[in-house]
Amino acid sequence: GEHWQKWFHDSQTQLIHSLQNPRYAWISGIFTGGADVIIWQYHGGQAQRSVANPDGSFALQVNPQQVPDGCGTNTGDNVSTRRHWSGTNRRWKLQ
């Protein structure tokens, strides 16, 4: 992927930041399955924090059963939160 498509997880702040512009981080405002993951300016709220799991997934700090899920492999496919069941579409490669 291009530089602007890459993200990094800061283990101290527990945020998934944009590598292109670290002022932006992933956020999920709803903590149930199917909620959209969006990119929002960093504000330090709990909805932006996630914990790295040993299997390569990231659990939402506010609801550890929910993880970001790649909803497809096509351009424009969504990322949402889903209940964690160890699927490969819920694992993310750290850069």
Protein backbone atom coordinates (compact mmCIF):
# COMPACT_ATOMS: atom_id res chain seq x y z
CA GLY A 1 0.00 0.00 0.00
CA GLU A 2 0.87 3.63 -0.37
CA HIS A 3 2.27 5.65 2.54
CA TRP A 4 -1.12 7.32 3.13
CA GLN A 5 -2.73 3.86 3.48
CA LYS A 6 -0.47 2.74 6.33
CA TRP A 7 -1.16 2.93 10.05
CA PHE A 8 0.76 2.28 13.26
CA HIS A 9 -0.31 1.28 16.75
CA ASP A 10 1.18 3.33 19.58
CA SER A 11 1.28 0.93 22.53
CA GLN A 12 1.60 3.79 25.04
CA THR A 13 -1.42 5.82 23.90
CA GLN A 14 -3.23 2.74 22.52
CA LEU A 15 -4.13 4.62 19.33
CA ILE A 16 -3.95 3.44 15.72
CA HIS A 17 -2.51 6.51 13.96
CA SER A 18 -2.18 7.39 10.31
CA LEU A 19 1.44 7.10 9.18
CA GLN A 20 0.80 9.94 6.72
CA ASN A 21 -0.64 12.28 9.35
CA PRO A 22 -0.37 11.10 13.00
CA ARG A 23 -2.94 13.72 14.07
CA TYR A 24 -5.58 11.26 12.80
CA ALA A 25 -6.54 7.97 14.43
CA TRP A 26 -9.13 5.20 14.03
CA ILE A 27 -12.33 5.66 16.00
CA SER A 28 -15.53 3.72 16.51
CA GLY A 29 -18.32 5.68 18.13
CA ILE A 30 -20.60 2.66 18.62
CA PHE A 31 -19.26 -0.36 20.44
CA THR A 32 -21.42 -3.14 19.01
CA GLY A 33 -20.94 -5.38 15.98
CA GLY A 34 -21.17 -3.71 12.61
CA ALA A 35 -20.16 -0.21 13.74
CA ASP A 36 -18.08 1.67 11.19
CA VAL A 37 -14.45 2.41 11.92
CA ILE A 38 -13.71 5.94 10.76
CA ILE A 39 -10.68 8.22 10.63
CA TRP A 40 -10.96 11.18 12.98
CA GLN A 41 -8.66 13.82 14.33
CA TYR A 42 -6.96 12.60 17.50
CA HIS A 43 -8.73 13.82 20.63
CA GLY A 44 -7.65 11.21 23.19
CA GLY A 45 -11.09 9.78 23.87
CA GLN A 46 -11.67 6.16 24.88
CA ALA A 47 -13.38 5.40 21.55
CA GLN A 48 -10.01 5.84 19.81
CA ARG A 49 -8.05 3.45 22.03
CA SER A 50 -7.31 -0.16 21.19
CA VAL A 51 -5.22 -2.96 22.61
CA ALA A 52 -2.96 -5.15 20.46
CA ASN A 53 -3.79 -8.86 20.79
CA PRO A 54 -1.11 -11.55 20.32
CA ASP A 55 -2.90 -12.89 17.19
CA GLY A 56 -2.50 -9.59 15.28
CA SER A 57 -5.97 -8.20 15.98
CA PHE A 58 -6.74 -5.02 17.90
CA ALA A 59 -9.49 -4.99 20.52
CA LEU A 60 -11.44 -1.82 21.29
CA GLN A 61 -10.47 -0.75 24.78
CA VAL A 62 -14.09 0.12 25.62
CA ASN A 63 -15.33 -3.33 24.44
CA PRO A 64 -12.51 -5.90 24.11
CA GLN A 65 -14.79 -8.39 22.32
CA GLN A 66 -15.01 -6.00 19.35
CA VAL A 67 -12.18 -5.80 16.82
CA PRO A 68 -11.74 -3.93 13.51
CA ASP A 69 -12.79 -6.22 10.65
CA GLY A 70 -11.85 -5.83 6.99
CA CYS A 71 -15.21 -6.29 5.25
CA GLY A 72 -13.78 -7.24 1.87
CA THR A 73 -10.76 -7.08 -0.40
CA ASN A 74 -12.00 -4.63 -3.03
CA THR A 75 -11.21 -0.93 -3.33
CA GLY A 76 -13.65 1.01 -1.17
CA ASP A 77 -14.64 -1.91 1.08
CA ASN A 78 -15.45 -0.92 4.63
CA VAL A 79 -13.76 -1.53 7.97
CA SER A 80 -16.20 -2.11 10.82
CA THR A 81 -16.14 -3.64 14.28
CA ARG A 82 -17.20 -7.23 14.84
CA ARG A 83 -17.06 -9.81 17.61
CA HIS A 84 -13.60 -11.39 17.64
CA TRP A 85 -13.41 -15.00 16.41
CA SER A 86 -9.77 -15.06 15.19
CA GLY A 87 -10.53 -14.72 11.46
CA THR A 88 -7.66 -13.57 9.23
CA ASN A 89 -9.73 -10.54 8.15
CA ARG A 90 -9.39 -9.30 11.72
CA ARG A 91 -5.61 -9.40 11.81
CA TRP A 92 -3.50 -6.42 10.84
CA LYS A 93 0.15 -6.23 9.82
CA LEU A 94 2.08 -3.66 11.82
CA GLN A 95 4.46 -1.35 9.96
